[in-house]
Amino acid sequence: MKLTAILIMAVIVEAIITYLKTFIIDKKFQWQNIVAIVLGIAVALAYSLDIPSAAGVNASVPYVGNVLSGILISRGSNYVYDLFKMLLSQKKNVETIEIAGADGSEGAEI
């Protein structure tokens, strides 16, 4: 499970960093991104949406999952859908590797 959690959080952090790079385009600040993030976080908090928790990764700090979810939600439905597909695919691959090594066999090395 810890390997899955690390993978999921790495994908989420990479997605957020990629998003933050769009804040300045051609030396112009894109204020629309800030509005989208604030709105996304507000919606995630209001409806208790927590994407990492839904993927099996629970935060020990309250509201961290909601804030991360809000940032991801602000990217739009296509982005969130693609992220979920990628996370589920990666989680399935990691679980297959963990199961392969659980019976005493060497399993796959990462």
PDB file of N, CA and C in Angstrom:
ATOM      1  N   MET A   1       0.823  -1.207   0.000  1.00  0.00           N
ATOM      2  CA  MET A   1       0.000   0.000   0.000  1.00  0.00           C
ATOM      3  C   MET A   1       0.861   1.262   0.000  1.00  0.00           C
ATOM      4  N   LYS A   2       1.978   1.239   0.705  1.00  0.00           N
ATOM      5  CA  LYS A   2       2.803   2.446   0.768  1.00  0.00           C
ATOM      6  C   LYS A   2       3.368   2.806  -0.600  1.00  0.00           C
ATOM      7  N   LEU A   3       3.733   1.804  -1.380  1.00  0.00           N
ATOM      8  CA  LEU A   3       4.232   2.074  -2.720  1.00  0.00           C
ATOM      9  C   LEU A   3       3.141   2.703  -3.582  1.00  0.00           C
ATOM     10  N   THR A   4       1.928   2.219  -3.431  1.00  0.00           N
ATOM     11  CA  THR A   4       0.794   2.791  -4.154  1.00  0.00           C
ATOM     12  C   THR A   4       0.569   4.236  -3.726  1.00  0.00           C
ATOM     13  N   ALA A   5       0.637   4.494  -2.426  1.00  0.00           N
ATOM     14  CA  ALA A   5       0.434   5.855  -1.907  1.00  0.00           C
ATOM     15  C   ALA A   5       1.496   6.803  -2.452  1.00  0.00           C
ATOM     16  N   ILE A   6       2.734   6.339  -2.480  1.00  0.00           N
ATOM     17  CA  ILE A   6       3.820   7.174  -3.001  1.00  0.00           C
ATOM     18  C   ILE A   6       3.587   7.481  -4.471  1.00  0.00           C
ATOM     19  N   LEU A   7       3.198   6.494  -5.225  1.00  0.00           N
ATOM     20  CA  LEU A   7       2.939   6.684  -6.646  1.00  0.00           C
ATOM     21  C   LEU A   7       1.782   7.661  -6.876  1.00  0.00           C
ATOM     22  N   ILE A   8       0.705   7.485  -6.139  1.00  0.00           N
ATOM     23  CA  ILE A   8      -0.455   8.359  -6.279  1.00  0.00           C
ATOM     24  C   ILE A   8      -0.092   9.803  -5.949  1.00  0.00           C
ATOM     25  N   MET A   9       0.623  10.005  -4.852  1.00  0.00           N
ATOM     26  CA  MET A   9       0.976  11.363  -4.463  1.00  0.00           C
ATOM     27  C   MET A   9       1.975  11.976  -5.448  1.00  0.00           C
ATOM     28  N   ALA A  10       2.871  11.181  -5.995  1.00  0.00           N
ATOM     29  CA  ALA A  10       3.814  11.692  -6.995  1.00  0.00           C
ATOM     30  C   ALA A  10       3.075  12.183  -8.233  1.00  0.00           C
ATOM     31  N   VAL A  11       2.079  11.428  -8.659  1.00  0.00           N
ATOM     32  CA  VAL A  11       1.286  11.828  -9.826  1.00  0.00           C
ATOM     33  C   VAL A  11       0.520  13.115  -9.525  1.00  0.00           C
ATOM     34  N   ILE A  12      -0.065  13.217  -8.346  1.00  0.00           N
ATOM     35  CA  ILE A  12      -0.832  14.413  -7.980  1.00  0.00           C
ATOM     36  C   ILE A  12       0.082  15.634  -7.898  1.00  0.00           C
ATOM     37  N   VAL A  13       1.240  15.499  -7.253  1.00  0.00           N
ATOM     38  CA  VAL A  13       2.169  16.632  -7.135  1.00  0.00           C
ATOM     39  C   VAL A  13       2.669  17.068  -8.512  1.00  0.00           C
ATOM     40  N   GLU A  14       2.988  16.118  -9.372  1.00  0.00           N
ATOM     41  CA  GLU A  14       3.429  16.451 -10.723  1.00  0.00           C
ATOM     42  C   GLU A  14       2.338  17.197 -11.483  1.00  0.00           C
ATOM     43  N   ALA A  15       1.109  16.758 -11.300  1.00  0.00           N
ATOM     44  CA  ALA A  15      -0.013  17.415 -11.973  1.00  0.00           C
ATOM     45  C   ALA A  15      -0.173  18.850 -11.498  1.00  0.00           C
ATOM     46  N   ILE A  16      -0.014  19.073 -10.206  1.00  0.00           N
ATOM     47  CA  ILE A  16      -0.161  20.425  -9.653  1.00  0.00           C
ATOM     48  C   ILE A  16       0.990  21.320 -10.121  1.00  0.00           C
ATOM     49  N   ILE A  17       2.203  20.791 -10.136  1.00  0.00           N
ATOM     50  CA  ILE A  17       3.351  21.582 -10.603  1.00  0.00           C
ATOM     51  C   ILE A  17       3.174  21.968 -12.067  1.00  0.00           C
ATOM     52  N   THR A  18       2.719  21.029 -12.877  1.00  0.00           N
ATOM     53  CA  THR A  18       2.462  21.318 -14.287  1.00  0.00           C
ATOM     54  C   THR A  18       1.426  22.428 -14.421  1.00  0.00           C
ATOM     55  N   TYR A  19       0.394  22.379 -13.583  1.00  0.00           N
ATOM     56  CA  TYR A  19      -0.650  23.397 -13.600  1.00  0.00           C
ATOM     57  C   TYR A  19      -0.087  24.753 -13.196  1.00  0.00           C
ATOM     58  N   LEU A  20       0.740  24.791 -12.160  1.00  0.00           N
ATOM     59  CA  LEU A  20       1.284  26.057 -11.675  1.00  0.00           C
ATOM     60  C   LEU A  20       2.175  26.727 -12.721  1.00  0.00           C
ATOM     61  N   LYS A  21       2.763  25.945 -13.591  1.00  0.00           N
ATOM     62  CA  LYS A  21       3.601  26.515 -14.657  1.00  0.00           C
ATOM     63  C   LYS A  21       2.784  27.362 -15.629  1.00  0.00           C
ATOM     64  N   THR A  22       1.468  27.173 -15.661  1.00  0.00           N
ATOM     65  CA  THR A  22       0.625  27.932 -16.596  1.00  0.00           C
ATOM     66  C   THR A  22       0.213  29.294 -16.037  1.00  0.00           C
ATOM     67  N   PHE A  23       0.687  29.648 -14.841  1.00  0.00           N
ATOM     68  CA  PHE A  23       0.292  30.919 -14.237  1.00  0.00           C
ATOM     69  C   PHE A  23       0.851  32.121 -14.986  1.00  0.00           C
ATOM     70  N   ILE A  24       2.017  31.956 -15.593  1.00  0.00           N
ATOM     71  CA  ILE A  24       2.608  33.062 -16.349  1.00  0.00           C
ATOM     72  C   ILE A  24       2.890  32.562 -17.763  1.00  0.00           C
ATOM     73  N   ILE A  25       2.218  33.181 -18.713  1.00  0.00           N
ATOM     74  CA  ILE A  25       2.390  32.831 -20.123  1.00  0.00           C
ATOM     75  C   ILE A  25       2.754  34.103 -20.871  1.00  0.00           C
ATOM     76  N   ASP A  26       3.838  34.046 -21.621  1.00  0.00           N
ATOM     77  CA  ASP A  26       4.327  35.214 -22.357  1.00  0.00           C
ATOM     78  C   ASP A  26       4.485  36.428 -21.440  1.00  0.00           C
ATOM     79  N   LYS A  27       5.034  36.182 -20.264  1.00  0.00           N
ATOM     80  CA  LYS A  27       5.297  37.222 -19.259  1.00  0.00           C
ATOM     81  C   LYS A  27       4.035  37.932 -18.783  1.00  0.00           C
ATOM     82  N   LYS A  28       2.886  37.280 -18.919  1.00  0.00           N
ATOM     83  CA  LYS A  28       1.622  37.839 -18.435  1.00  0.00           C
ATOM     84  C   LYS A  28       1.022  36.890 -17.413  1.00  0.00           C
ATOM     85  N   PHE A  29       0.641  37.443 -16.259  1.00  0.00           N
ATOM     86  CA  PHE A  29       0.039  36.648 -15.204  1.00  0.00           C
ATOM     87  C   PHE A  29      -1.381  36.254 -15.602  1.00  0.00           C
ATOM     88  N   GLN A  30      -1.693  34.980 -15.474  1.00  0.00           N
ATOM     89  CA  GLN A  30      -3.008  34.454 -15.846  1.00  0.00           C
ATOM     90  C   GLN A  30      -3.904  34.395 -14.601  1.00  0.00           C
ATOM     91  N   TRP A  31      -4.622  35.458 -14.321  1.00  0.00           N
ATOM     92  CA  TRP A  31      -5.456  35.548 -13.117  1.00  0.00           C
ATOM     93  C   TRP A  31      -6.579  34.521 -13.112  1.00  0.00           C
ATOM     94  N   GLN A  32      -6.978  34.056 -14.287  1.00  0.00           N
ATOM     95  CA  GLN A  32      -8.059  33.078 -14.385  1.00  0.00           C
ATOM     96  C   GLN A  32      -7.692  31.786 -13.657  1.00  0.00           C
ATOM     97  N   ASN A  33      -6.403  31.423 -13.660  1.00  0.00           N
ATOM     98  CA  ASN A  33      -5.968  30.211 -12.968  1.00  0.00           C
ATOM     99  C   ASN A  33      -6.177  30.328 -11.465  1.00  0.00           C
ATOM    100  N   ILE A  34      -5.894  31.494 -10.905  1.00  0.00           N
ATOM    101  CA  ILE A  34      -6.093  31.703  -9.464  1.00  0.00           C
ATOM    102  C   ILE A  34      -7.577  31.602  -9.128  1.00  0.00           C
ATOM    103  N   VAL A  35      -8.420  32.226  -9.937  1.00  0.00           N
ATOM    104  CA  VAL A  35      -9.869  32.156  -9.712  1.00  0.00           C
ATOM    105  C   VAL A  35     -10.339  30.704  -9.785  1.00  0.00           C
ATOM    106  N   ALA A  36      -9.842  29.957 -10.762  1.00  0.00           N
ATOM    107  CA  ALA A  36     -10.220  28.545 -10.905  1.00  0.00           C
ATOM    108  C   ALA A  36      -9.782  27.737  -9.685  1.00  0.00           C
ATOM    109  N   ILE A  37      -8.575  27.978  -9.192  1.00  0.00           N
ATOM    110  CA  ILE A  37      -8.083  27.240  -8.019  1.00  0.00           C
ATOM    111  C   ILE A  37      -8.899  27.579  -6.783  1.00  0.00           C
ATOM    112  N   VAL A  38      -9.165  28.850  -6.559  1.00  0.00           N
ATOM    113  CA  VAL A  38      -9.960  29.256  -5.396  1.00  0.00           C
ATOM    114  C   VAL A  38     -11.351  28.633  -5.462  1.00  0.00           C
ATOM    115  N   LEU A  39     -11.960  28.679  -6.620  1.00  0.00           N
ATOM    116  CA  LEU A  39     -13.286  28.077  -6.788  1.00  0.00           C
ATOM    117  C   LEU A  39     -13.224  26.557  -6.595  1.00  0.00           C
ATOM    118  N   GLY A  40     -12.209  25.911  -7.171  1.00  0.00           N
ATOM    119  CA  GLY A  40     -12.053  24.466  -7.012  1.00  0.00           C
ATOM    120  C   GLY A  40     -11.880  24.061  -5.559  1.00  0.00           C
ATOM    121  N   ILE A  41     -11.048  24.790  -4.817  1.00  0.00           N
ATOM    122  CA  ILE A  41     -10.834  24.492  -3.403  1.00  0.00           C
ATOM    123  C   ILE A  41     -12.112  24.739  -2.619  1.00  0.00           C
ATOM    124  N   ALA A  42     -12.828  25.822  -2.920  1.00  0.00           N
ATOM    125  CA  ALA A  42     -14.083  26.105  -2.222  1.00  0.00           C
ATOM    126  C   ALA A  42     -15.098  24.987  -2.430  1.00  0.00           C
ATOM    127  N   VAL A  43     -15.210  24.500  -3.659  1.00  0.00           N
ATOM    128  CA  VAL A  43     -16.141  23.403  -3.957  1.00  0.00           C
ATOM    129  C   VAL A  43     -15.712  22.129  -3.237  1.00  0.00           C
ATOM    130  N   ALA A  44     -14.413  21.820  -3.273  1.00  0.00           N
ATOM    131  CA  ALA A  44     -13.915  20.607  -2.613  1.00  0.00           C
ATOM    132  C   ALA A  44     -14.151  20.661  -1.106  1.00  0.00           C
ATOM    133  N   LEU A  45     -13.945  21.818  -0.502  1.00  0.00           N
ATOM    134  CA  LEU A  45     -14.189  21.960   0.936  1.00  0.00           C
ATOM    135  C   LEU A  45     -15.685  21.889   1.257  1.00  0.00           C
ATOM    136  N   ALA A  46     -16.484  22.572   0.455  1.00  0.00           N
ATOM    137  CA  ALA A  46     -17.927  22.604   0.705  1.00  0.00           C
ATOM    138  C   ALA A  46     -18.560  21.221   0.603  1.00  0.00           C
ATOM    139  N   TYR A  47     -18.046  20.396  -0.302  1.00  0.00           N
ATOM    140  CA  TYR A  47     -18.631  19.074  -0.519  1.00  0.00           C
ATOM    141  C   TYR A  47     -17.770  17.937   0.028  1.00  0.00           C
ATOM    142  N   SER A  48     -16.741  18.284   0.801  1.00  0.00           N
ATOM    143  CA  SER A  48     -15.837  17.293   1.408  1.00  0.00           C
ATOM    144  C   SER A  48     -15.274  16.324   0.370  1.00  0.00           C
ATOM    145  N   LEU A  49     -14.800  16.861  -0.742  1.00  0.00           N
ATOM    146  CA  LEU A  49     -14.217  16.041  -1.797  1.00  0.00           C
ATOM    147  C   LEU A  49     -12.735  15.825  -1.507  1.00  0.00           C
ATOM    148  N   ASP A  50     -12.307  14.580  -1.570  1.00  0.00           N
ATOM    149  CA  ASP A  50     -10.928  14.227  -1.234  1.00  0.00           C
ATOM    150  C   ASP A  50     -10.449  13.129  -2.189  1.00  0.00           C
ATOM    151  N   ILE A  51      -9.834  13.526  -3.284  1.00  0.00           N
ATOM    152  CA  ILE A  51      -9.385  12.574  -4.303  1.00  0.00           C
ATOM    153  C   ILE A  51      -8.321  11.621  -3.759  1.00  0.00           C
ATOM    154  N   PRO A  52      -7.294  12.098  -3.037  1.00  0.00           N
ATOM    155  CA  PRO A  52      -6.322  11.139  -2.506  1.00  0.00           C
ATOM    156  C   PRO A  52      -6.967  10.090  -1.593  1.00  0.00           C
ATOM    157  N   SER A  53      -7.903  10.521  -0.763  1.00  0.00           N
ATOM    158  CA  SER A  53      -8.589   9.575   0.121  1.00  0.00           C
ATOM    159  C   SER A  53      -9.385   8.548  -0.679  1.00  0.00           C
ATOM    160  N   ALA A  54     -10.011   8.999  -1.760  1.00  0.00           N
ATOM    161  CA  ALA A  54     -10.767   8.084  -2.613  1.00  0.00           C
ATOM    162  C   ALA A  54      -9.844   7.061  -3.268  1.00  0.00           C
ATOM    163  N   ALA A  55      -8.569   7.433  -3.440  1.00  0.00           N
ATOM    164  CA  ALA A  55      -7.589   6.524  -4.020  1.00  0.00           C
ATOM    165  C   ALA A  55      -6.888   5.693  -2.954  1.00  0.00           C
ATOM    166  N   GLY A  56      -7.326   5.856  -1.686  1.00  0.00           N
ATOM    167  CA  GLY A  56      -6.766   5.051  -0.606  1.00  0.00           C
ATOM    168  C   GLY A  56      -5.614   5.696   0.130  1.00  0.00           C
ATOM    169  N   VAL A  57      -5.382   6.990  -0.079  1.00  0.00           N
ATOM    170  CA  VAL A  57      -4.302   7.703   0.597  1.00  0.00           C
ATOM    171  C   VAL A  57      -4.922   8.754   1.512  1.00  0.00           C
ATOM    172  N   ASN A  58      -4.868   8.513   2.815  1.00  0.00           N
ATOM    173  CA  ASN A  58      -5.473   9.429   3.784  1.00  0.00           C
ATOM    174  C   ASN A  58      -4.416  10.319   4.409  1.00  0.00           C
ATOM    175  N   ALA A  59      -4.712  11.608   4.483  1.00  0.00           N
ATOM    176  CA  ALA A  59      -3.785  12.583   5.059  1.00  0.00           C
ATOM    177  C   ALA A  59      -3.934  12.623   6.573  1.00  0.00           C
ATOM    178  N   SER A  60      -2.826  12.858   7.252  1.00  0.00           N
ATOM    179  CA  SER A  60      -2.885  13.004   8.706  1.00  0.00           C
ATOM    180  C   SER A  60      -3.172  14.453   9.100  1.00  0.00           C
ATOM    181  N   VAL A  61      -3.066  15.361   8.133  1.00  0.00           N
ATOM    182  CA  VAL A  61      -3.364  16.774   8.363  1.00  0.00           C
ATOM    183  C   VAL A  61      -4.736  17.065   7.770  1.00  0.00           C
ATOM    184  N   PRO A  62      -5.658  17.592   8.581  1.00  0.00           N
ATOM    185  CA  PRO A  62      -7.010  17.864   8.067  1.00  0.00           C
ATOM    186  C   PRO A  62      -6.998  18.816   6.865  1.00  0.00           C
ATOM    187  N   TYR A  63      -7.864  18.559   5.940  1.00  0.00           N
ATOM    188  CA  TYR A  63      -8.139  19.400   4.777  1.00  0.00           C
ATOM    189  C   TYR A  63      -7.071  19.374   3.686  1.00  0.00           C
ATOM    190  N   VAL A  64      -5.952  18.688   3.877  1.00  0.00           N
ATOM    191  CA  VAL A  64      -4.934  18.634   2.830  1.00  0.00           C
ATOM    192  C   VAL A  64      -5.506  17.953   1.589  1.00  0.00           C
ATOM    193  N   GLY A  65      -6.192  16.844   1.784  1.00  0.00           N
ATOM    194  CA  GLY A  65      -6.803  16.144   0.657  1.00  0.00           C
ATOM    195  C   GLY A  65      -7.834  16.990  -0.055  1.00  0.00           C
ATOM    196  N   ASN A  66      -8.598  17.776   0.710  1.00  0.00           N
ATOM    197  CA  ASN A  66      -9.596  18.655   0.102  1.00  0.00           C
ATOM    198  C   ASN A  66      -8.942  19.750  -0.737  1.00  0.00           C
ATOM    199  N   VAL A  67      -7.852  20.327  -0.234  1.00  0.00           N
ATOM    200  CA  VAL A  67      -7.160  21.393  -0.969  1.00  0.00           C
ATOM    201  C   VAL A  67      -6.535  20.823  -2.241  1.00  0.00           C
ATOM    202  N   LEU A  68      -5.851  19.674  -2.130  1.00  0.00           N
ATOM    203  CA  LEU A  68      -5.282  19.039  -3.326  1.00  0.00           C
ATOM    204  C   LEU A  68      -6.381  18.714  -4.332  1.00  0.00           C
ATOM    205  N   SER A  69      -7.492  18.220  -3.833  1.00  0.00           N
ATOM    206  CA  SER A  69      -8.622  17.891  -4.705  1.00  0.00           C
ATOM    207  C   SER A  69      -9.157  19.139  -5.396  1.00  0.00           C
ATOM    208  N   GLY A  70      -9.264  20.224  -4.649  1.00  0.00           N
ATOM    209  CA  GLY A  70      -9.749  21.477  -5.220  1.00  0.00           C
ATOM    210  C   GLY A  70      -8.859  21.977  -6.338  1.00  0.00           C
ATOM    211  N   ILE A  71      -7.542  21.859  -6.141  1.00  0.00           N
ATOM    212  CA  ILE A  71      -6.606  22.283  -7.184  1.00  0.00           C
ATOM    213  C   ILE A  71      -6.775  21.404  -8.422  1.00  0.00           C
ATOM    214  N   LEU A  72      -6.898  20.096  -8.200  1.00  0.00           N
ATOM    215  CA  LEU A  72      -7.080  19.184  -9.332  1.00  0.00           C
ATOM    216  C   LEU A  72      -8.414  19.415 -10.028  1.00  0.00           C
ATOM    217  N   ILE A  73      -9.464  19.647  -9.243  1.00  0.00           N
ATOM    218  CA  ILE A  73     -10.791  19.898  -9.808  1.00  0.00           C
ATOM    219  C   ILE A  73     -10.777  21.169 -10.659  1.00  0.00           C
ATOM    220  N   SER A  74      -9.988  22.151 -10.252  1.00  0.00           N
ATOM    221  CA  SER A  74      -9.933  23.412 -10.996  1.00  0.00           C
ATOM    222  C   SER A  74      -9.384  23.227 -12.409  1.00  0.00           C
ATOM    223  N   ARG A  75      -8.726  22.109 -12.657  1.00  0.00           N
ATOM    224  CA  ARG A  75      -8.213  21.828 -14.010  1.00  0.00           C
ATOM    225  C   ARG A  75      -9.335  21.438 -14.958  1.00  0.00           C
ATOM    226  N   GLY A  76     -10.439  20.942 -14.444  1.00  0.00           N
ATOM    227  CA  GLY A  76     -11.565  20.575 -15.289  1.00  0.00           C
ATOM    228  C   GLY A  76     -11.821  19.082 -15.291  1.00  0.00           C
ATOM    229  N   SER A  77     -12.991  18.714 -15.789  1.00  0.00           N
ATOM    230  CA  SER A  77     -13.435  17.321 -15.722  1.00  0.00           C
ATOM    231  C   SER A  77     -12.588  16.378 -16.574  1.00  0.00           C
ATOM    232  N   ASN A  78     -12.172  16.801 -17.743  1.00  0.00           N
ATOM    233  CA  ASN A  78     -11.337  15.929 -18.577  1.00  0.00           C
ATOM    234  C   ASN A  78     -10.030  15.598 -17.880  1.00  0.00           C
ATOM    235  N   TYR A  79      -9.434  16.595 -17.256  1.00  0.00           N
ATOM    236  CA  TYR A  79      -8.165  16.390 -16.564  1.00  0.00           C
ATOM    237  C   TYR A  79      -8.340  15.426 -15.390  1.00  0.00           C
ATOM    238  N   VAL A  80      -9.381  15.619 -14.592  1.00  0.00           N
ATOM    239  CA  VAL A  80      -9.621  14.755 -13.432  1.00  0.00           C
ATOM    240  C   VAL A  80      -9.912  13.332 -13.895  1.00  0.00           C
ATOM    241  N   TYR A  81     -10.691  13.186 -14.944  1.00  0.00           N
ATOM    242  CA  TYR A  81     -10.991  11.851 -15.474  1.00  0.00           C
ATOM    243  C   TYR A  81      -9.711  11.155 -15.932  1.00  0.00           C
ATOM    244  N   ASP A  82      -8.873  11.866 -16.675  1.00  0.00           N
ATOM    245  CA  ASP A  82      -7.606  11.292 -17.130  1.00  0.00           C
ATOM    246  C   ASP A  82      -6.699  10.939 -15.958  1.00  0.00           C
ATOM    247  N   LEU A  83      -6.690  11.787 -14.927  1.00  0.00           N
ATOM    248  CA  LEU A  83      -5.885  11.519 -13.737  1.00  0.00           C
ATOM    249  C   LEU A  83      -6.362  10.256 -13.035  1.00  0.00           C
ATOM    250  N   PHE A  84      -7.678  10.103 -12.878  1.00  0.00           N
ATOM    251  CA  PHE A  84      -8.224   8.906 -12.244  1.00  0.00           C
ATOM    252  C   PHE A  84      -7.879   7.660 -13.047  1.00  0.00           C
ATOM    253  N   LYS A  85      -7.986   7.733 -14.370  1.00  0.00           N
ATOM    254  CA  LYS A  85      -7.628   6.581 -15.197  1.00  0.00           C
ATOM    255  C   LYS A  85      -6.170   6.205 -14.986  1.00  0.00           C
ATOM    256  N   MET A  86      -5.305   7.204 -14.958  1.00  0.00           N
ATOM    257  CA  MET A  86      -3.885   6.938 -14.778  1.00  0.00           C
ATOM    258  C   MET A  86      -3.606   6.377 -13.384  1.00  0.00           C
ATOM    259  N   LEU A  87      -4.231   6.960 -12.353  1.00  0.00           N
ATOM    260  CA  LEU A  87      -4.023   6.479 -10.986  1.00  0.00           C
ATOM    261  C   LEU A  87      -4.503   5.050 -10.819  1.00  0.00           C
ATOM    262  N   LEU A  88      -5.680   4.745 -11.344  1.00  0.00           N
ATOM    263  CA  LEU A  88      -6.208   3.390 -11.219  1.00  0.00           C
ATOM    264  C   LEU A  88      -5.344   2.390 -11.967  1.00  0.00           C
ATOM    265  N   SER A  89      -4.839   2.774 -13.120  1.00  0.00           N
ATOM    266  CA  SER A  89      -3.964   1.904 -13.888  1.00  0.00           C
ATOM    267  C   SER A  89      -2.665   1.645 -13.130  1.00  0.00           C
ATOM    268  N   GLN A  90      -2.064   2.709 -12.590  1.00  0.00           N
ATOM    269  CA  GLN A  90      -0.817   2.566 -11.848  1.00  0.00           C
ATOM    270  C   GLN A  90      -1.025   1.772 -10.563  1.00  0.00           C
ATOM    271  N   LYS A  91      -2.147   2.024  -9.875  1.00  0.00           N
ATOM    272  CA  LYS A  91      -2.437   1.297  -8.640  1.00  0.00           C
ATOM    273  C   LYS A  91      -2.585  -0.194  -8.932  1.00  0.00           C
ATOM    274  N   LYS A  92      -3.242  -0.524 -10.024  1.00  0.00           N
ATOM    275  CA  LYS A  92      -3.423  -1.928 -10.403  1.00  0.00           C
ATOM    276  C   LYS A  92      -2.068  -2.568 -10.693  1.00  0.00           C
ATOM    277  N   ASN A  93      -1.192  -1.838 -11.387  1.00  0.00           N
ATOM    278  CA  ASN A  93       0.146  -2.354 -11.692  1.00  0.00           C
ATOM    279  C   ASN A  93       0.959  -2.579 -10.422  1.00  0.00           C
ATOM    280  N   VAL A  94       0.890  -1.652  -9.474  1.00  0.00           N
ATOM    281  CA  VAL A  94       1.636  -1.786  -8.227  1.00  0.00           C
ATOM    282  C   VAL A  94       1.097  -2.949  -7.410  1.00  0.00           C
ATOM    283  N   GLU A  95      -0.236  -3.093  -7.340  1.00  0.00           N
ATOM    284  CA  GLU A  95      -0.820  -4.204  -6.592  1.00  0.00           C
ATOM    285  C   GLU A  95      -0.424  -5.539  -7.208  1.00  0.00           C
ATOM    286  N   THR A  96      -0.339  -5.606  -8.527  1.00  0.00           N
ATOM    287  CA  THR A  96       0.090  -6.834  -9.198  1.00  0.00           C
ATOM    288  C   THR A  96       1.526  -7.164  -8.815  1.00  0.00           C
ATOM    289  N   ILE A  97       2.389  -6.169  -8.757  1.00  0.00           N
ATOM    290  CA  ILE A  97       3.782  -6.377  -8.369  1.00  0.00           C
ATOM    291  C   ILE A  97       3.861  -6.831  -6.917  1.00  0.00           C
ATOM    292  N   GLU A  98       3.073  -6.180  -6.021  1.00  0.00           N
ATOM    293  CA  GLU A  98       3.086  -6.554  -4.606  1.00  0.00           C
ATOM    294  C   GLU A  98       2.591  -7.981  -4.416  1.00  0.00           C
ATOM    295  N   ILE A  99       1.548  -8.378  -5.126  1.00  0.00           N
ATOM    296  CA  ILE A  99       1.000  -9.730  -5.013  1.00  0.00           C
ATOM    297  C   ILE A  99       2.011 -10.742  -5.532  1.00  0.00           C
ATOM    298  N   ALA A 100       2.702 -10.404  -6.600  1.00  0.00           N
ATOM    299  CA  ALA A 100       3.685 -11.330  -7.172  1.00  0.00           C
ATOM    300  C   ALA A 100       4.795 -11.622  -6.179  1.00  0.00           C
ATOM    301  N   GLY A 101       5.147 -10.675  -5.339  1.00  0.00           N
ATOM    302  CA  GLY A 101       6.213 -10.880  -4.365  1.00  0.00           C
ATOM    303  C   GLY A 101       5.727 -11.414  -3.033  1.00  0.00           C
ATOM    304  N   ALA A 102       4.424 -11.440  -2.796  1.00  0.00           N
ATOM    305  CA  ALA A 102       3.873 -11.835  -1.491  1.00  0.00           C
ATOM    306  C   ALA A 102       3.974 -13.338  -1.224  1.00  0.00           C
ATOM    307  N   ASP A 103       4.055 -14.160  -2.237  1.00  0.00           N
ATOM    308  CA  ASP A 103       4.060 -15.613  -2.032  1.00  0.00           C
ATOM    309  C   ASP A 103       5.464 -16.186  -1.881  1.00  0.00           C
ATOM    310  N   GLY A 104       6.439 -15.331  -1.655  1.00  0.00           N
ATOM    311  CA  GLY A 104       7.792 -15.813  -1.471  1.00  0.00           C
ATOM    312  C   GLY A 104       8.633 -15.736  -2.735  1.00  0.00           C
ATOM    313  N   SER A 105       7.970 -15.525  -3.866  1.00  0.00           N
ATOM    314  CA  SER A 105       8.735 -15.376  -5.104  1.00  0.00           C
ATOM    315  C   SER A 105       9.382 -13.996  -5.126  1.00  0.00           C
ATOM    316  N   GLU A 106      10.278 -13.815  -6.039  1.00  0.00           N
ATOM    317  CA  GLU A 106      10.994 -12.552  -6.084  1.00  0.00           C
ATOM    318  C   GLU A 106      10.107 -11.404  -6.557  1.00  0.00           C
ATOM    319  N   GLY A 107       9.147 -11.683  -7.401  1.00  0.00           N
ATOM    320  CA  GLY A 107       8.312 -10.618  -7.942  1.00  0.00           C
ATOM    321  C   GLY A 107       9.120  -9.723  -8.844  1.00  0.00           C
ATOM    322  N   ALA A 108       8.532  -8.620  -9.230  1.00  0.00           N
ATOM    323  CA  ALA A 108       9.222  -7.682 -10.115  1.00  0.00           C
ATOM    324  C   ALA A 108       9.950  -6.643  -9.283  1.00  0.00           C
ATOM    325  N   GLU A 109      11.080  -6.214  -9.749  1.00  0.00           N
ATOM    326  CA  GLU A 109      11.824  -5.164  -9.054  1.00  0.00           C
ATOM    327  C   GLU A 109      11.462  -3.827  -9.636  1.00  0.00           C
ATOM    328  N   ILE A 110      11.407  -2.857  -8.755  1.00  0.00           N
ATOM    329  CA  ILE A 110      11.077  -1.508  -9.186  1.00  0.00           C
ATOM    330  C   ILE A 110      12.287  -0.624  -8.991  1.00  0.00           C
TER     331      ILE A 110
END
